[in-house]
Amino acid sequence: MISDETRQKWDDAVGYLLEYGDLHMTEWENEFLDSISIWRAVGKDLTFKQSSMLMKIRHRIEEKVG
């Protein structure tokens, strides 16, 4: 079962990447983020693999942006 805390982490990561990631993400990452943001907008939960990739991208962008 997915906790509300986990869902909030996903939504925070999506929001962060939409705000700061555009110039630092690859085309694939941008497309991935678009699809994930649509999933979350309609209330769908992410798979483990999607969640892992989302957090990996966020951490990489955080290191670049500072």
N, C-alpha and C. Protein backbone atom coordinates (compact mmCIF):
# COMPACT_ATOMS: atom_id res chain seq x y z
N MET A 1 0.84 -1.18 0.00
CA MET A 1 0.00 0.00 0.00
C MET A 1 0.88 1.25 0.00
N ILE A 2 0.51 2.20 -0.80
CA ILE A 2 1.27 3.45 -0.94
C ILE A 2 0.77 4.45 0.10
N SER A 3 1.71 5.05 0.82
CA SER A 3 1.32 6.02 1.84
C SER A 3 1.10 7.40 1.22
N ASP A 4 0.36 8.22 1.94
CA ASP A 4 0.16 9.60 1.51
C ASP A 4 1.49 10.35 1.49
N GLU A 5 2.40 10.00 2.39
CA GLU A 5 3.73 10.62 2.43
C GLU A 5 4.50 10.34 1.14
N THR A 6 4.42 9.11 0.65
CA THR A 6 5.09 8.75 -0.60
C THR A 6 4.48 9.52 -1.76
N ARG A 7 3.16 9.60 -1.80
CA ARG A 7 2.49 10.36 -2.86
C ARG A 7 2.92 11.82 -2.84
N GLN A 8 3.06 12.38 -1.65
CA GLN A 8 3.49 13.77 -1.52
C GLN A 8 4.92 13.95 -2.02
N LYS A 9 5.79 12.97 -1.75
CA LYS A 9 7.17 13.03 -2.24
C LYS A 9 7.19 13.03 -3.77
N TRP A 10 6.33 12.20 -4.37
CA TRP A 10 6.25 12.19 -5.84
C TRP A 10 5.82 13.54 -6.36
N ASP A 11 4.76 14.08 -5.76
CA ASP A 11 4.22 15.36 -6.22
C ASP A 11 5.24 16.49 -6.02
N ASP A 12 5.98 16.45 -4.91
CA ASP A 12 7.03 17.44 -4.67
C ASP A 12 8.13 17.33 -5.72
N ALA A 13 8.51 16.09 -6.05
CA ALA A 13 9.56 15.87 -7.06
C ALA A 13 9.10 16.36 -8.43
N VAL A 14 7.87 16.07 -8.80
CA VAL A 14 7.33 16.53 -10.08
C VAL A 14 7.33 18.06 -10.11
N GLY A 15 6.85 18.69 -9.06
CA GLY A 15 6.82 20.14 -8.99
C GLY A 15 8.20 20.76 -9.09
N TYR A 16 9.15 20.18 -8.38
CA TYR A 16 10.53 20.66 -8.40
C TYR A 16 11.10 20.57 -9.81
N LEU A 17 10.92 19.43 -10.45
CA LEU A 17 11.48 19.23 -11.79
C LEU A 17 10.80 20.12 -12.82
N LEU A 18 9.50 20.34 -12.68
CA LEU A 18 8.82 21.25 -13.60
C LEU A 18 9.36 22.66 -13.46
N GLU A 19 9.74 23.03 -12.24
CA GLU A 19 10.23 24.38 -12.01
C GLU A 19 11.70 24.55 -12.37
N TYR A 20 12.54 23.57 -12.04
CA TYR A 20 13.99 23.75 -12.16
C TYR A 20 14.67 22.85 -13.18
N GLY A 21 14.00 21.80 -13.63
CA GLY A 21 14.68 20.79 -14.41
C GLY A 21 14.76 21.00 -15.90
N ASP A 22 13.92 21.84 -16.46
CA ASP A 22 13.78 21.92 -17.92
C ASP A 22 15.11 22.09 -18.65
N LEU A 23 15.95 22.97 -18.21
CA LEU A 23 17.22 23.23 -18.92
C LEU A 23 18.26 22.15 -18.69
N HIS A 24 18.04 21.30 -17.69
CA HIS A 24 19.06 20.32 -17.32
C HIS A 24 18.67 18.88 -17.63
N MET A 25 17.45 18.67 -18.12
CA MET A 25 17.00 17.31 -18.38
C MET A 25 17.11 16.98 -19.87
N THR A 26 17.28 15.68 -20.13
CA THR A 26 17.32 15.21 -21.51
C THR A 26 15.90 15.21 -22.08
N GLU A 27 15.79 15.02 -23.37
CA GLU A 27 14.48 14.94 -24.00
C GLU A 27 13.67 13.78 -23.41
N TRP A 28 14.34 12.64 -23.20
CA TRP A 28 13.65 11.49 -22.62
C TRP A 28 13.15 11.82 -21.22
N GLU A 29 13.98 12.46 -20.41
CA GLU A 29 13.57 12.82 -19.05
C GLU A 29 12.38 13.78 -19.06
N ASN A 30 12.39 14.74 -19.98
CA ASN A 30 11.26 15.66 -20.10
C ASN A 30 9.98 14.92 -20.47
N GLU A 31 10.06 13.98 -21.39
CA GLU A 31 8.90 13.19 -21.79
C GLU A 31 8.42 12.31 -20.63
N PHE A 32 9.37 11.74 -19.92
CA PHE A 32 9.05 10.92 -18.75
C PHE A 32 8.31 11.78 -17.71
N LEU A 33 8.84 12.96 -17.44
CA LEU A 33 8.22 13.86 -16.47
C LEU A 33 6.81 14.26 -16.90
N ASP A 34 6.64 14.53 -18.18
CA ASP A 34 5.30 14.86 -18.69
C ASP A 34 4.32 13.73 -18.41
N SER A 35 4.73 12.50 -18.69
CA SER A 35 3.82 11.37 -18.48
C SER A 35 3.55 11.15 -16.99
N ILE A 36 4.56 11.30 -16.17
CA ILE A 36 4.38 11.12 -14.72
C ILE A 36 3.47 12.20 -14.15
N SER A 37 3.64 13.43 -14.61
CA SER A 37 2.81 14.51 -14.08
C SER A 37 1.33 14.29 -14.46
N ILE A 38 1.08 13.73 -15.63
CA ILE A 38 -0.30 13.41 -16.03
C ILE A 38 -0.85 12.29 -15.15
N TRP A 39 -0.05 11.25 -14.92
CA TRP A 39 -0.47 10.15 -14.04
C TRP A 39 -0.87 10.68 -12.69
N ARG A 40 -0.01 11.54 -12.11
CA ARG A 40 -0.28 12.06 -10.76
C ARG A 40 -1.48 13.00 -10.76
N ALA A 41 -1.67 13.76 -11.83
CA ALA A 41 -2.80 14.69 -11.90
C ALA A 41 -4.15 13.97 -11.85
N VAL A 42 -4.17 12.75 -12.36
CA VAL A 42 -5.42 11.98 -12.32
C VAL A 42 -5.45 11.01 -11.14
N GLY A 43 -4.47 11.11 -10.26
CA GLY A 43 -4.48 10.34 -9.02
C GLY A 43 -3.90 8.94 -9.09
N LYS A 44 -3.21 8.61 -10.17
CA LYS A 44 -2.61 7.28 -10.28
C LYS A 44 -1.32 7.21 -9.49
N ASP A 45 -1.08 6.04 -8.89
CA ASP A 45 0.18 5.80 -8.20
C ASP A 45 1.25 5.35 -9.19
N LEU A 46 2.49 5.62 -8.84
CA LEU A 46 3.61 5.22 -9.68
C LEU A 46 4.03 3.80 -9.35
N THR A 47 4.63 3.15 -10.31
CA THR A 47 5.24 1.85 -10.05
C THR A 47 6.55 2.09 -9.31
N PHE A 48 7.12 1.02 -8.78
CA PHE A 48 8.40 1.15 -8.09
C PHE A 48 9.46 1.69 -9.05
N LYS A 49 9.46 1.18 -10.28
CA LYS A 49 10.46 1.61 -11.26
C LYS A 49 10.27 3.09 -11.63
N GLN A 50 9.03 3.51 -11.83
CA GLN A 50 8.77 4.92 -12.13
C GLN A 50 9.20 5.81 -10.97
N SER A 51 8.87 5.40 -9.76
CA SER A 51 9.22 6.16 -8.57
C SER A 51 10.74 6.29 -8.44
N SER A 52 11.43 5.20 -8.64
CA SER A 52 12.89 5.20 -8.54
C SER A 52 13.51 6.14 -9.58
N MET A 53 13.02 6.10 -10.80
CA MET A 53 13.55 6.95 -11.86
C MET A 53 13.26 8.42 -11.57
N LEU A 54 12.05 8.72 -11.11
CA LEU A 54 11.69 10.09 -10.77
C LEU A 54 12.65 10.65 -9.72
N MET A 55 12.92 9.89 -8.68
CA MET A 55 13.81 10.37 -7.62
C MET A 55 15.26 10.47 -8.10
N LYS A 56 15.67 9.56 -8.96
CA LYS A 56 17.02 9.61 -9.52
C LYS A 56 17.21 10.90 -10.32
N ILE A 57 16.22 11.24 -11.14
CA ILE A 57 16.30 12.47 -11.93
C ILE A 57 16.31 13.68 -11.00
N ARG A 58 15.44 13.68 -9.99
CA ARG A 58 15.40 14.82 -9.07
C ARG A 58 16.74 15.02 -8.38
N HIS A 59 17.34 13.96 -7.89
CA HIS A 59 18.63 14.09 -7.19
C HIS A 59 19.71 14.62 -8.13
N ARG A 60 19.69 14.15 -9.37
CA ARG A 60 20.69 14.62 -10.33
C ARG A 60 20.50 16.12 -10.61
N ILE A 61 19.28 16.56 -10.76
CA ILE A 61 19.00 17.98 -11.02
C ILE A 61 19.34 18.81 -9.80
N GLU A 62 19.03 18.32 -8.61
CA GLU A 62 19.38 19.05 -7.38
C GLU A 62 20.88 19.29 -7.30
N GLU A 63 21.67 18.30 -7.71
CA GLU A 63 23.12 18.47 -7.69
C GLU A 63 23.59 19.53 -8.68
N LYS A 64 22.92 19.60 -9.83
CA LYS A 64 23.29 20.60 -10.84
C LYS A 64 22.85 22.00 -10.46
N VAL A 65 21.62 22.11 -9.96
CA VAL A 65 21.03 23.42 -9.67
C VAL A 65 21.58 23.97 -8.35
N GLY A 66 21.77 23.09 -7.41
CA GLY A 66 22.33 23.52 -6.12
C GLY A 66 21.36 23.76 -5.05
